[in-house]
Amino acid sequence: MRRRYRQNPKTLEMELVSDNTVRERGILICPDIEPFKSSIDGSTISGRAALRNHNKRHDVTNPADFTNHWQQTARERERMYTGDPSFDRKRRTEAVRQAVEKHEQRRR
């Protein structure tokens, strides 16, 4: 049971603000991935850590990293074409400059 208290400024007594009960949760364990063969170098990847290292070594990513990416990009593109004032040219120019700098740093 979770309770929150606060001090009354006049009486300096602690007063109960809320009495929230914490819901019980089941075990939140994500199972490991099944071993598979890499299409890049043919090595066998047998776990999440191995997949993370493989992706970092070959500078690739998983499709799951792009969840909702295309829908969000389409909304931003629509804002640009409709002339939304919150989508300004300076911000776009700055984003392109930062992307170029980031790419140059990765190549070093």
PDB file of N, CA and C in Angstrom:
ATOM      1  N   MET A   1       0.840  -1.172   0.000  1.00  0.00           N
ATOM      2  CA  MET A   1       0.000   0.000   0.000  1.00  0.00           C
ATOM      3  C   MET A   1       0.888   1.239   0.000  1.00  0.00           C
ATOM      4  N   ARG A   2       0.568   2.185  -0.824  1.00  0.00           N
ATOM      5  CA  ARG A   2       1.369   3.387  -0.937  1.00  0.00           C
ATOM      6  C   ARG A   2       0.558   4.579  -0.465  1.00  0.00           C
ATOM      7  N   ARG A   3       1.121   5.329   0.446  1.00  0.00           N
ATOM      8  CA  ARG A   3       0.439   6.512   0.976  1.00  0.00           C
ATOM      9  C   ARG A   3       1.345   7.727   0.835  1.00  0.00           C
ATOM     10  N   ARG A   4       0.725   8.868   0.569  1.00  0.00           N
ATOM     11  CA  ARG A   4       1.472  10.127   0.482  1.00  0.00           C
ATOM     12  C   ARG A   4       0.966  11.066   1.560  1.00  0.00           C
ATOM     13  N   TYR A   5       1.896  11.755   2.197  1.00  0.00           N
ATOM     14  CA  TYR A   5       1.553  12.699   3.259  1.00  0.00           C
ATOM     15  C   TYR A   5       2.130  14.065   2.931  1.00  0.00           C
ATOM     16  N   ARG A   6       1.565  15.075   3.525  1.00  0.00           N
ATOM     17  CA  ARG A   6       2.151  16.417   3.461  1.00  0.00           C
ATOM     18  C   ARG A   6       1.939  17.080   4.813  1.00  0.00           C
ATOM     19  N   GLN A   7       2.786  18.067   5.066  1.00  0.00           N
ATOM     20  CA  GLN A   7       2.709  18.762   6.345  1.00  0.00           C
ATOM     21  C   GLN A   7       1.791  19.967   6.213  1.00  0.00           C
ATOM     22  N   ASN A   8       0.836  20.059   7.120  1.00  0.00           N
ATOM     23  CA  ASN A   8      -0.077  21.190   7.155  1.00  0.00           C
ATOM     24  C   ASN A   8       0.707  22.403   7.655  1.00  0.00           C
ATOM     25  N   PRO A   9       0.727  23.519   6.918  1.00  0.00           N
ATOM     26  CA  PRO A   9       1.551  24.658   7.324  1.00  0.00           C
ATOM     27  C   PRO A   9       1.057  25.334   8.610  1.00  0.00           C
ATOM     28  N   LYS A  10      -0.223  25.201   8.918  1.00  0.00           N
ATOM     29  CA  LYS A  10      -0.754  25.857  10.122  1.00  0.00           C
ATOM     30  C   LYS A  10      -0.578  25.004  11.364  1.00  0.00           C
ATOM     31  N   THR A  11      -0.957  23.741  11.281  1.00  0.00           N
ATOM     32  CA  THR A  11      -0.880  22.876  12.464  1.00  0.00           C
ATOM     33  C   THR A  11       0.427  22.109  12.545  1.00  0.00           C
ATOM     34  N   LEU A  12       1.198  22.077  11.466  1.00  0.00           N
ATOM     35  CA  LEU A  12       2.461  21.348  11.357  1.00  0.00           C
ATOM     36  C   LEU A  12       2.282  19.846  11.560  1.00  0.00           C
ATOM     37  N   GLU A  13       1.058  19.356  11.370  1.00  0.00           N
ATOM     38  CA  GLU A  13       0.776  17.927  11.447  1.00  0.00           C
ATOM     39  C   GLU A  13       0.848  17.325  10.047  1.00  0.00           C
ATOM     40  N   MET A  14       1.171  16.043   9.983  1.00  0.00           N
ATOM     41  CA  MET A  14       1.207  15.337   8.715  1.00  0.00           C
ATOM     42  C   MET A  14      -0.209  14.897   8.353  1.00  0.00           C
ATOM     43  N   GLU A  15      -0.640  15.216   7.136  1.00  0.00           N
ATOM     44  CA  GLU A  15      -1.972  14.857   6.669  1.00  0.00           C
ATOM     45  C   GLU A  15      -1.844  13.874   5.508  1.00  0.00           C
ATOM     46  N   LEU A  16      -2.772  12.932   5.460  1.00  0.00           N
ATOM     47  CA  LEU A  16      -2.795  11.963   4.375  1.00  0.00           C
ATOM     48  C   LEU A  16      -3.317  12.637   3.112  1.00  0.00           C
ATOM     49  N   VAL A  17      -2.514  12.620   2.023  1.00  0.00           N
ATOM     50  CA  VAL A  17      -2.918  13.234   0.767  1.00  0.00           C
ATOM     51  C   VAL A  17      -3.614  12.210  -0.112  1.00  0.00           C
ATOM     52  N   SER A  18      -3.027  11.028  -0.260  1.00  0.00           N
ATOM     53  CA  SER A  18      -3.647   9.986  -1.069  1.00  0.00           C
ATOM     54  C   SER A  18      -3.309   8.627  -0.487  1.00  0.00           C
ATOM     55  N   ASP A  19      -4.173   7.701  -0.770  1.00  0.00           N
ATOM     56  CA  ASP A  19      -3.991   6.341  -0.283  1.00  0.00           C
ATOM     57  C   ASP A  19      -4.160   5.411  -1.474  1.00  0.00           C
ATOM     58  N   ASN A  20      -3.107   5.309  -2.288  1.00  0.00           N
ATOM     59  CA  ASN A  20      -3.151   4.480  -3.495  1.00  0.00           C
ATOM     60  C   ASN A  20      -2.655   3.088  -3.170  1.00  0.00           C
ATOM     61  N   THR A  21      -3.374   2.115  -3.651  1.00  0.00           N
ATOM     62  CA  THR A  21      -2.900   0.746  -3.507  1.00  0.00           C
ATOM     63  C   THR A  21      -2.109   0.393  -4.749  1.00  0.00           C
ATOM     64  N   VAL A  22      -1.029  -0.271  -4.546  1.00  0.00           N
ATOM     65  CA  VAL A  22      -0.167  -0.671  -5.660  1.00  0.00           C
ATOM     66  C   VAL A  22      -0.694  -1.989  -6.207  1.00  0.00           C
ATOM     67  N   ARG A  23      -0.926  -2.021  -7.516  1.00  0.00           N
ATOM     68  CA  ARG A  23      -1.404  -3.249  -8.134  1.00  0.00           C
ATOM     69  C   ARG A  23      -0.263  -4.246  -8.237  1.00  0.00           C
ATOM     70  N   GLU A  24      -0.589  -5.480  -8.021  1.00  0.00           N
ATOM     71  CA  GLU A  24       0.403  -6.538  -8.163  1.00  0.00           C
ATOM     72  C   GLU A  24       0.671  -6.778  -9.638  1.00  0.00           C
ATOM     73  N   ARG A  25       1.894  -6.964  -9.982  1.00  0.00           N
ATOM     74  CA  ARG A  25       2.275  -7.269 -11.355  1.00  0.00           C
ATOM     75  C   ARG A  25       2.884  -8.650 -11.405  1.00  0.00           C
ATOM     76  N   GLY A  26       2.759  -9.233 -12.547  1.00  0.00           N
ATOM     77  CA  GLY A  26       3.411 -10.519 -12.754  1.00  0.00           C
ATOM     78  C   GLY A  26       4.883 -10.300 -13.049  1.00  0.00           C
ATOM     79  N   ILE A  27       5.568 -11.369 -13.271  1.00  0.00           N
ATOM     80  CA  ILE A  27       6.989 -11.287 -13.572  1.00  0.00           C
ATOM     81  C   ILE A  27       7.154 -10.704 -14.972  1.00  0.00           C
ATOM     82  N   LEU A  28       7.966  -9.670 -15.097  1.00  0.00           N
ATOM     83  CA  LEU A  28       8.174  -8.996 -16.375  1.00  0.00           C
ATOM     84  C   LEU A  28       9.535  -9.384 -16.947  1.00  0.00           C
ATOM     85  N   ILE A  29       9.629 -10.603 -17.396  1.00  0.00           N
ATOM     86  CA  ILE A  29      10.876 -11.100 -17.962  1.00  0.00           C
ATOM     87  C   ILE A  29      10.667 -11.328 -19.446  1.00  0.00           C
ATOM     88  N   CYS A  30      11.540 -10.735 -20.227  1.00  0.00           N
ATOM     89  CA  CYS A  30      11.471 -10.910 -21.680  1.00  0.00           C
ATOM     90  C   CYS A  30      12.398 -12.065 -22.046  1.00  0.00           C
ATOM     91  N   PRO A  31      11.876 -13.075 -22.741  1.00  0.00           N
ATOM     92  CA  PRO A  31      12.732 -14.211 -23.077  1.00  0.00           C
ATOM     93  C   PRO A  31      13.824 -13.818 -24.073  1.00  0.00           C
ATOM     94  N   ASP A  32      14.897 -14.566 -24.046  1.00  0.00           N
ATOM     95  CA  ASP A  32      16.000 -14.296 -24.962  1.00  0.00           C
ATOM     96  C   ASP A  32      15.595 -14.711 -26.379  1.00  0.00           C
ATOM     97  N   ILE A  33      16.291 -14.159 -27.351  1.00  0.00           N
ATOM     98  CA  ILE A  33      15.951 -14.460 -28.742  1.00  0.00           C
ATOM     99  C   ILE A  33      16.550 -15.809 -29.136  1.00  0.00           C
ATOM    100  N   GLU A  34      15.907 -16.438 -30.096  1.00  0.00           N
ATOM    101  CA  GLU A  34      16.399 -17.714 -30.607  1.00  0.00           C
ATOM    102  C   GLU A  34      17.660 -17.479 -31.437  1.00  0.00           C
ATOM    103  N   PRO A  35      18.622 -18.388 -31.370  1.00  0.00           N
ATOM    104  CA  PRO A  35      19.834 -18.245 -32.185  1.00  0.00           C
ATOM    105  C   PRO A  35      19.497 -18.225 -33.676  1.00  0.00           C
ATOM    106  N   PHE A  36      20.200 -17.368 -34.417  1.00  0.00           N
ATOM    107  CA  PHE A  36      19.995 -17.282 -35.861  1.00  0.00           C
ATOM    108  C   PHE A  36      21.299 -16.924 -36.533  1.00  0.00           C
ATOM    109  N   LYS A  37      21.321 -17.095 -37.831  1.00  0.00           N
ATOM    110  CA  LYS A  37      22.525 -16.836 -38.617  1.00  0.00           C
ATOM    111  C   LYS A  37      22.447 -15.434 -39.211  1.00  0.00           C
ATOM    112  N   SER A  38      23.497 -14.672 -39.071  1.00  0.00           N
ATOM    113  CA  SER A  38      23.558 -13.313 -39.594  1.00  0.00           C
ATOM    114  C   SER A  38      23.620 -13.333 -41.112  1.00  0.00           C
ATOM    115  N   SER A  39      22.856 -12.467 -41.733  1.00  0.00           N
ATOM    116  CA  SER A  39      22.901 -12.372 -43.197  1.00  0.00           C
ATOM    117  C   SER A  39      24.058 -11.488 -43.658  1.00  0.00           C
ATOM    118  N   ILE A  40      24.720 -10.826 -42.723  1.00  0.00           N
ATOM    119  CA  ILE A  40      25.835  -9.941 -43.079  1.00  0.00           C
ATOM    120  C   ILE A  40      27.145 -10.710 -43.190  1.00  0.00           C
ATOM    121  N   ASP A  41      27.489 -11.444 -42.113  1.00  0.00           N
ATOM    122  CA  ASP A  41      28.773 -12.150 -42.127  1.00  0.00           C
ATOM    123  C   ASP A  41      28.643 -13.650 -41.906  1.00  0.00           C
ATOM    124  N   GLY A  42      27.420 -14.159 -41.719  1.00  0.00           N
ATOM    125  CA  GLY A  42      27.219 -15.592 -41.580  1.00  0.00           C
ATOM    126  C   GLY A  42      27.463 -16.135 -40.187  1.00  0.00           C
ATOM    127  N   SER A  43      27.768 -15.287 -39.221  1.00  0.00           N
ATOM    128  CA  SER A  43      28.008 -15.769 -37.871  1.00  0.00           C
ATOM    129  C   SER A  43      26.680 -16.095 -37.182  1.00  0.00           C
ATOM    130  N   THR A  44      26.742 -16.945 -36.162  1.00  0.00           N
ATOM    131  CA  THR A  44      25.554 -17.311 -35.400  1.00  0.00           C
ATOM    132  C   THR A  44      25.405 -16.347 -34.235  1.00  0.00           C
ATOM    133  N   ILE A  45      24.228 -15.753 -34.126  1.00  0.00           N
ATOM    134  CA  ILE A  45      23.936 -14.807 -33.047  1.00  0.00           C
ATOM    135  C   ILE A  45      22.998 -15.512 -32.090  1.00  0.00           C
ATOM    136  N   SER A  46      23.409 -15.605 -30.820  1.00  0.00           N
ATOM    137  CA  SER A  46      22.664 -16.426 -29.874  1.00  0.00           C
ATOM    138  C   SER A  46      22.249 -15.659 -28.626  1.00  0.00           C
ATOM    139  N   GLY A  47      21.802 -14.434 -28.773  1.00  0.00           N
ATOM    140  CA  GLY A  47      21.327 -13.683 -27.616  1.00  0.00           C
ATOM    141  C   GLY A  47      21.246 -12.203 -27.928  1.00  0.00           C
ATOM    142  N   ARG A  48      20.600 -11.486 -27.024  1.00  0.00           N
ATOM    143  CA  ARG A  48      20.423 -10.043 -27.220  1.00  0.00           C
ATOM    144  C   ARG A  48      21.748  -9.293 -27.167  1.00  0.00           C
ATOM    145  N   ALA A  49      22.609  -9.680 -26.245  1.00  0.00           N
ATOM    146  CA  ALA A  49      23.916  -9.009 -26.140  1.00  0.00           C
ATOM    147  C   ALA A  49      24.736  -9.250 -27.409  1.00  0.00           C
ATOM    148  N   ALA A  50      24.706 -10.476 -27.917  1.00  0.00           N
ATOM    149  CA  ALA A  50      25.440 -10.788 -29.144  1.00  0.00           C
ATOM    150  C   ALA A  50      24.869  -9.997 -30.320  1.00  0.00           C
ATOM    151  N   LEU A  51      23.539  -9.857 -30.371  1.00  0.00           N
ATOM    152  CA  LEU A  51      22.916  -9.080 -31.442  1.00  0.00           C
ATOM    153  C   LEU A  51      23.306  -7.606 -31.342  1.00  0.00           C
ATOM    154  N   ARG A  52      23.315  -7.064 -30.121  1.00  0.00           N
ATOM    155  CA  ARG A  52      23.721  -5.668 -29.917  1.00  0.00           C
ATOM    156  C   ARG A  52      25.149  -5.447 -30.388  1.00  0.00           C
ATOM    157  N   ASN A  53      26.055  -6.349 -30.007  1.00  0.00           N
ATOM    158  CA  ASN A  53      27.463  -6.223 -30.418  1.00  0.00           C
ATOM    159  C   ASN A  53      27.612  -6.377 -31.924  1.00  0.00           C
ATOM    160  N   HIS A  54      26.887  -7.315 -32.511  1.00  0.00           N
ATOM    161  CA  HIS A  54      26.927  -7.527 -33.963  1.00  0.00           C
ATOM    162  C   HIS A  54      26.460  -6.277 -34.697  1.00  0.00           C
ATOM    163  N   ASN A  55      25.350  -5.686 -34.245  1.00  0.00           N
ATOM    164  CA  ASN A  55      24.827  -4.477 -34.887  1.00  0.00           C
ATOM    165  C   ASN A  55      25.810  -3.319 -34.768  1.00  0.00           C
ATOM    166  N   LYS A  56      26.441  -3.204 -33.616  1.00  0.00           N
ATOM    167  CA  LYS A  56      27.408  -2.121 -33.421  1.00  0.00           C
ATOM    168  C   LYS A  56      28.646  -2.331 -34.284  1.00  0.00           C
ATOM    169  N   ARG A  57      29.101  -3.563 -34.369  1.00  0.00           N
ATOM    170  CA  ARG A  57      30.302  -3.880 -35.147  1.00  0.00           C
ATOM    171  C   ARG A  57      30.090  -3.618 -36.638  1.00  0.00           C
ATOM    172  N   HIS A  58      28.894  -3.912 -37.149  1.00  0.00           N
ATOM    173  CA  HIS A  58      28.613  -3.747 -38.574  1.00  0.00           C
ATOM    174  C   HIS A  58      27.852  -2.466 -38.893  1.00  0.00           C
ATOM    175  N   ASP A  59      27.596  -1.651 -37.875  1.00  0.00           N
ATOM    176  CA  ASP A  59      26.899  -0.365 -38.044  1.00  0.00           C
ATOM    177  C   ASP A  59      25.538  -0.550 -38.730  1.00  0.00           C
ATOM    178  N   VAL A  60      24.738  -1.472 -38.187  1.00  0.00           N
ATOM    179  CA  VAL A  60      23.385  -1.731 -38.691  1.00  0.00           C
ATOM    180  C   VAL A  60      22.404  -1.622 -37.531  1.00  0.00           C
ATOM    181  N   THR A  61      21.115  -1.729 -37.827  1.00  0.00           N
ATOM    182  CA  THR A  61      20.091  -1.638 -36.795  1.00  0.00           C
ATOM    183  C   THR A  61      18.974  -2.621 -37.098  1.00  0.00           C
ATOM    184  N   ASN A  62      18.047  -2.766 -36.152  1.00  0.00           N
ATOM    185  CA  ASN A  62      16.901  -3.659 -36.320  1.00  0.00           C
ATOM    186  C   ASN A  62      15.704  -2.870 -36.832  1.00  0.00           C
ATOM    187  N   PRO A  63      14.811  -3.510 -37.576  1.00  0.00           N
ATOM    188  CA  PRO A  63      13.585  -2.819 -38.016  1.00  0.00           C
ATOM    189  C   PRO A  63      12.730  -2.362 -36.836  1.00  0.00           C
ATOM    190  N   ALA A  64      12.834  -3.033 -35.704  1.00  0.00           N
ATOM    191  CA  ALA A  64      12.046  -2.651 -34.527  1.00  0.00           C
ATOM    192  C   ALA A  64      12.451  -1.267 -34.010  1.00  0.00           C
ATOM    193  N   ASP A  65      13.649  -0.812 -34.341  1.00  0.00           N
ATOM    194  CA  ASP A  65      14.091   0.517 -33.931  1.00  0.00           C
ATOM    195  C   ASP A  65      13.310   1.621 -34.634  1.00  0.00           C
ATOM    196  N   PHE A  66      12.629   1.273 -35.738  1.00  0.00           N
ATOM    197  CA  PHE A  66      11.893   2.260 -36.510  1.00  0.00           C
ATOM    198  C   PHE A  66      10.392   2.190 -36.275  1.00  0.00           C
ATOM    199  N   THR A  67       9.959   1.675 -35.123  1.00  0.00           N
ATOM    200  CA  THR A  67       8.541   1.601 -34.809  1.00  0.00           C
ATOM    201  C   THR A  67       7.952   3.007 -34.797  1.00  0.00           C
ATOM    202  N   ASN A  68       6.910   3.227 -35.554  1.00  0.00           N
ATOM    203  CA  ASN A  68       6.217   4.521 -35.685  1.00  0.00           C
ATOM    204  C   ASN A  68       7.087   5.605 -36.329  1.00  0.00           C
ATOM    205  N   HIS A  69       8.262   5.267 -36.803  1.00  0.00           N
ATOM    206  CA  HIS A  69       9.147   6.273 -37.394  1.00  0.00           C
ATOM    207  C   HIS A  69       8.546   6.840 -38.676  1.00  0.00           C
ATOM    208  N   TRP A  70       8.017   5.965 -39.534  1.00  0.00           N
ATOM    209  CA  TRP A  70       7.519   6.425 -40.826  1.00  0.00           C
ATOM    210  C   TRP A  70       6.249   7.255 -40.677  1.00  0.00           C
ATOM    211  N   GLN A  71       5.383   6.911 -39.723  1.00  0.00           N
ATOM    212  CA  GLN A  71       4.174   7.701 -39.497  1.00  0.00           C
ATOM    213  C   GLN A  71       4.533   9.093 -38.975  1.00  0.00           C
ATOM    214  N   GLN A  72       5.484   9.153 -38.061  1.00  0.00           N
ATOM    215  CA  GLN A  72       5.904  10.445 -37.518  1.00  0.00           C
ATOM    216  C   GLN A  72       6.570  11.296 -38.600  1.00  0.00           C
ATOM    217  N   THR A  73       7.380  10.689 -39.436  1.00  0.00           N
ATOM    218  CA  THR A  73       8.033  11.420 -40.515  1.00  0.00           C
ATOM    219  C   THR A  73       7.010  11.968 -41.501  1.00  0.00           C
ATOM    220  N   ALA A  74       5.976  11.172 -41.796  1.00  0.00           N
ATOM    221  CA  ALA A  74       4.922  11.632 -42.708  1.00  0.00           C
ATOM    222  C   ALA A  74       4.177  12.826 -42.122  1.00  0.00           C
ATOM    223  N   ARG A  75       3.921  12.804 -40.814  1.00  0.00           N
ATOM    224  CA  ARG A  75       3.248  13.950 -40.168  1.00  0.00           C
ATOM    225  C   ARG A  75       4.112  15.201 -40.238  1.00  0.00           C
ATOM    226  N   GLU A  76       5.412  15.060 -39.993  1.00  0.00           N
ATOM    227  CA  GLU A  76       6.315  16.217 -40.062  1.00  0.00           C
ATOM    228  C   GLU A  76       6.398  16.760 -41.486  1.00  0.00           C
ATOM    229  N   ARG A  77       6.450  15.864 -42.467  1.00  0.00           N
ATOM    230  CA  ARG A  77       6.504  16.293 -43.864  1.00  0.00           C
ATOM    231  C   ARG A  77       5.222  17.044 -44.240  1.00  0.00           C
ATOM    232  N   GLU A  78       4.080  16.561 -43.756  1.00  0.00           N
ATOM    233  CA  GLU A  78       2.802  17.226 -44.018  1.00  0.00           C
ATOM    234  C   GLU A  78       2.788  18.632 -43.410  1.00  0.00           C
ATOM    235  N   ARG A  79       3.341  18.762 -42.201  1.00  0.00           N
ATOM    236  CA  ARG A  79       3.424  20.090 -41.571  1.00  0.00           C
ATOM    237  C   ARG A  79       4.278  21.030 -42.401  1.00  0.00           C
ATOM    238  N   MET A  80       5.363  20.515 -42.981  1.00  0.00           N
ATOM    239  CA  MET A  80       6.247  21.353 -43.785  1.00  0.00           C
ATOM    240  C   MET A  80       5.521  21.849 -45.036  1.00  0.00           C
ATOM    241  N   TYR A  81       4.793  20.946 -45.698  1.00  0.00           N
ATOM    242  CA  TYR A  81       4.127  21.314 -46.951  1.00  0.00           C
ATOM    243  C   TYR A  81       2.905  22.204 -46.749  1.00  0.00           C
ATOM    244  N   THR A  82       2.250  22.121 -45.603  1.00  0.00           N
ATOM    245  CA  THR A  82       1.063  22.949 -45.356  1.00  0.00           C
ATOM    246  C   THR A  82       1.433  24.328 -44.830  1.00  0.00           C
ATOM    247  N   GLY A  83       2.697  24.563 -44.530  1.00  0.00           N
ATOM    248  CA  GLY A  83       3.116  25.881 -44.069  1.00  0.00           C
ATOM    249  C   GLY A  83       2.874  26.109 -42.596  1.00  0.00           C
ATOM    250  N   ASP A  84       2.964  25.067 -41.809  1.00  0.00           N
ATOM    251  CA  ASP A  84       2.786  25.185 -40.363  1.00  0.00           C
ATOM    252  C   ASP A  84       3.878  26.105 -39.809  1.00  0.00           C
ATOM    253  N   PRO A  85       3.496  27.152 -39.063  1.00  0.00           N
ATOM    254  CA  PRO A  85       4.512  28.095 -38.569  1.00  0.00           C
ATOM    255  C   PRO A  85       5.492  27.482 -37.578  1.00  0.00           C
ATOM    256  N   SER A  86       5.118  26.371 -36.939  1.00  0.00           N
ATOM    257  CA  SER A  86       6.046  25.761 -35.979  1.00  0.00           C
ATOM    258  C   SER A  86       7.170  25.006 -36.688  1.00  0.00           C
ATOM    259  N   PHE A  87       7.032  24.781 -37.981  1.00  0.00           N
ATOM    260  CA  PHE A  87       8.056  24.074 -38.752  1.00  0.00           C
ATOM    261  C   PHE A  87       8.831  25.108 -39.558  1.00  0.00           C
ATOM    262  N   ASP A  88       9.879  25.605 -39.003  1.00  0.00           N
ATOM    263  CA  ASP A  88      10.591  26.708 -39.651  1.00  0.00           C
ATOM    264  C   ASP A  88      11.874  26.235 -40.348  1.00  0.00           C
ATOM    265  N   ARG A  89      12.328  27.058 -41.247  1.00  0.00           N
ATOM    266  CA  ARG A  89      13.487  26.736 -42.067  1.00  0.00           C
ATOM    267  C   ARG A  89      14.773  26.704 -41.240  1.00  0.00           C
ATOM    268  N   LYS A  90      14.881  27.576 -40.249  1.00  0.00           N
ATOM    269  CA  LYS A  90      16.101  27.613 -39.436  1.00  0.00           C
ATOM    270  C   LYS A  90      16.298  26.296 -38.692  1.00  0.00           C
ATOM    271  N   ARG A  91      15.216  25.770 -38.135  1.00  0.00           N
ATOM    272  CA  ARG A  91      15.314  24.528 -37.389  1.00  0.00           C
ATOM    273  C   ARG A  91      15.706  23.371 -38.310  1.00  0.00           C
ATOM    274  N   ARG A  92      15.160  23.340 -39.512  1.00  0.00           N
ATOM    275  CA  ARG A  92      15.520  22.297 -40.467  1.00  0.00           C
ATOM    276  C   ARG A  92      16.981  22.413 -40.866  1.00  0.00           C
ATOM    277  N   THR A  93      17.441  23.634 -41.122  1.00  0.00           N
ATOM    278  CA  THR A  93      18.835  23.859 -41.504  1.00  0.00           C
ATOM    279  C   THR A  93      19.778  23.419 -40.388  1.00  0.00           C
ATOM    280  N   GLU A  94      19.430  23.730 -39.150  1.00  0.00           N
ATOM    281  CA  GLU A  94      20.243  23.332 -38.002  1.00  0.00           C
ATOM    282  C   GLU A  94      20.269  21.805 -37.864  1.00  0.00           C
ATOM    283  N   ALA A  95      19.159  21.145 -38.098  1.00  0.00           N
ATOM    284  CA  ALA A  95      19.108  19.689 -38.008  1.00  0.00           C
ATOM    285  C   ALA A  95      19.991  19.046 -39.071  1.00  0.00           C
ATOM    286  N   VAL A  96      20.006  19.594 -40.274  1.00  0.00           N
ATOM    287  CA  VAL A  96      20.859  19.070 -41.345  1.00  0.00           C
ATOM    288  C   VAL A  96      22.323  19.277 -40.986  1.00  0.00           C
ATOM    289  N   ARG A  97      22.654  20.445 -40.452  1.00  0.00           N
ATOM    290  CA  ARG A  97      24.039  20.727 -40.063  1.00  0.00           C
ATOM    291  C   ARG A  97      24.505  19.755 -38.984  1.00  0.00           C
ATOM    292  N   GLN A  98      23.653  19.492 -37.993  1.00  0.00           N
ATOM    293  CA  GLN A  98      24.016  18.553 -36.930  1.00  0.00           C
ATOM    294  C   GLN A  98      24.181  17.132 -37.464  1.00  0.00           C
ATOM    295  N   ALA A  99      23.339  16.749 -38.408  1.00  0.00           N
ATOM    296  CA  ALA A  99      23.444  15.403 -38.985  1.00  0.00           C
ATOM    297  C   ALA A  99      24.752  15.255 -39.748  1.00  0.00           C
ATOM    298  N   VAL A 100      25.161  16.283 -40.481  1.00  0.00           N
ATOM    299  CA  VAL A 100      26.414  16.232 -41.227  1.00  0.00           C
ATOM    300  C   VAL A 100      27.594  16.156 -40.261  1.00  0.00           C
ATOM    301  N   GLU A 101      27.566  16.947 -39.189  1.00  0.00           N
ATOM    302  CA  GLU A 101      28.642  16.908 -38.201  1.00  0.00           C
ATOM    303  C   GLU A 101      28.734  15.541 -37.541  1.00  0.00           C
ATOM    304  N   LYS A 102      27.587  14.960 -37.202  1.00  0.00           N
ATOM    305  CA  LYS A 102      27.570  13.648 -36.570  1.00  0.00           C
ATOM    306  C   LYS A 102      28.165  12.595 -37.517  1.00  0.00           C
ATOM    307  N   HIS A 103      27.824  12.696 -38.793  1.00  0.00           N
ATOM    308  CA  HIS A 103      28.355  11.751 -39.779  1.00  0.00           C
ATOM    309  C   HIS A 103      29.868  11.916 -39.901  1.00  0.00           C
ATOM    310  N   GLU A 104      30.344  13.145 -39.923  1.00  0.00           N
ATOM    311  CA  GLU A 104      31.789  13.376 -40.034  1.00  0.00           C
ATOM    312  C   GLU A 104      32.528  12.842 -38.814  1.00  0.00           C
ATOM    313  N   GLN A 105      31.938  12.979 -37.624  1.00  0.00           N
ATOM    314  CA  GLN A 105      32.590  12.475 -36.403  1.00  0.00           C
ATOM    315  C   GLN A 105      32.664  10.958 -36.414  1.00  0.00           C
ATOM    316  N   ARG A 106      31.641  10.296 -36.968  1.00  0.00           N
ATOM    317  CA  ARG A 106      31.653   8.838 -37.015  1.00  0.00           C
ATOM    318  C   ARG A 106      32.727   8.322 -37.973  1.00  0.00           C
ATOM    319  N   ARG A 107      33.047   9.093 -38.973  1.00  0.00           N
ATOM    320  CA  ARG A 107      34.042   8.656 -39.967  1.00  0.00           C
ATOM    321  C   ARG A 107      35.464   8.798 -39.466  1.00  0.00           C
ATOM    322  N   ARG A 108      35.662   9.592 -38.426  1.00  0.00           N
ATOM    323  CA  ARG A 108      37.028   9.827 -37.905  1.00  0.00           C
ATOM    324  C   ARG A 108      37.552   8.651 -37.161  1.00  0.00           C
TER     325      ARG A 108
END
